[in-house]
Protein backbone atom coordinates (compact mmCIF):
# COMPACT_ATOMS: atom_id res chain seq x y z
CA MET A 1 17.76 -19.11 33.56
CA THR A 2 14.50 -17.56 32.30
CA TRP A 3 13.93 -14.00 30.89
CA ALA A 4 11.11 -11.77 32.08
CA ARG A 5 9.00 -10.14 29.48
CA HIS A 6 8.24 -6.69 30.01
CA ALA A 7 5.59 -6.19 27.26
CA SER A 8 2.29 -8.11 27.42
CA PRO A 9 1.29 -9.83 24.18
CA THR A 10 -1.65 -7.56 23.68
CA LEU A 11 0.60 -4.47 23.60
CA GLU A 12 2.97 -6.07 21.20
CA GLN A 13 0.01 -7.27 18.79
CA GLY A 14 -1.35 -3.71 19.06
CA ARG A 15 2.06 -2.20 18.09
CA PHE A 16 2.30 -4.80 15.00
CA ALA A 17 -1.12 -3.92 14.08
CA GLU A 18 -0.44 -0.13 14.33
CA ALA A 19 2.88 -0.67 12.25
CA ARG A 20 1.04 -2.61 9.53
CA ALA A 21 -1.68 -0.08 9.10
CA ASN A 22 1.01 2.79 8.87
CA GLU A 23 2.60 0.75 6.29
CA ARG A 24 -0.56 0.26 4.44
CA VAL A 25 -1.12 3.99 4.41
CA HIS A 26 2.46 4.69 3.20
CA TYR A 27 2.02 2.33 0.39
CA ALA A 28 -1.45 3.57 -0.67
CA ILE A 29 0.06 7.37 -0.77
CA GLN A 30 3.13 5.97 -2.87
CA ASN A 31 0.98 4.09 -5.30
CA ARG A 32 -1.36 6.97 -5.69
CA LYS A 33 1.75 9.32 -6.59
CA ALA A 34 3.01 6.50 -9.04
CA ALA A 35 -0.32 6.13 -10.73
CA LEU A 36 -0.57 10.08 -11.11
CA THR A 37 2.87 10.16 -12.30
CA VAL A 38 2.14 7.36 -15.11
CA ALA A 39 -1.24 9.17 -15.85
CA CYS A 40 0.58 12.39 -16.49
CA HIS A 41 3.24 11.08 -18.76
CA SER A 42 0.88 8.70 -20.71
CA SER A 43 0.07 9.46 -24.39
CA ASP A 44 -3.47 8.18 -24.02
CA ALA A 45 -5.94 6.18 -21.84
CA GLN A 46 -4.87 2.85 -23.37
CA ASP A 47 -1.18 3.58 -22.65
CA CYS A 48 -1.92 4.65 -19.11
CA ALA A 49 -3.99 1.40 -18.34
CA ASN A 50 -1.21 -0.63 -19.78
CA LEU A 51 1.30 1.06 -17.88
CA LEU A 52 -0.68 0.85 -14.63
CA ALA A 53 -1.14 -2.79 -15.39
CA MET A 54 2.47 -3.50 -15.81
CA LEU A 55 3.23 -1.72 -12.49
CA GLY A 56 0.63 -3.72 -10.83
CA LEU A 57 -1.30 -0.49 -10.03
CA ASP A 58 -4.33 -1.39 -11.93
CA THR A 59 -6.88 -1.92 -9.14
CA MET A 60 -8.57 0.67 -6.85
CA ASP A 61 -10.57 0.04 -3.60
CA GLU A 62 -13.75 1.42 -2.58
CA ASN A 63 -12.10 4.77 -1.51
CA GLY A 64 -10.40 5.39 -4.69
CA ALA A 65 -6.99 4.13 -3.33
CA ILE A 66 -4.76 2.26 -5.57
CA SER A 67 -3.75 -1.03 -4.37
CA THR A 68 -1.61 -3.76 -5.64
CA PRO A 69 -3.06 -7.13 -6.75
CA ALA A 70 -1.35 -8.80 -3.87
CA GLU A 71 -3.29 -6.86 -1.17
């Protein structure tokens, strides 16, 4: 017995791409908030840089969004 698929592969790929894009936006916002929190609670610039590096928030893209090294 075979099952009929109701969604086309193109539609499914579009949904997955949209979900991945939404996830990237969510994590960019979350990472920016984390970096701002660290910056506000750091004692100086070196302390801030060290803490951001420990959290993996030490890289920024061309838009100024903080990203993890794995991205």
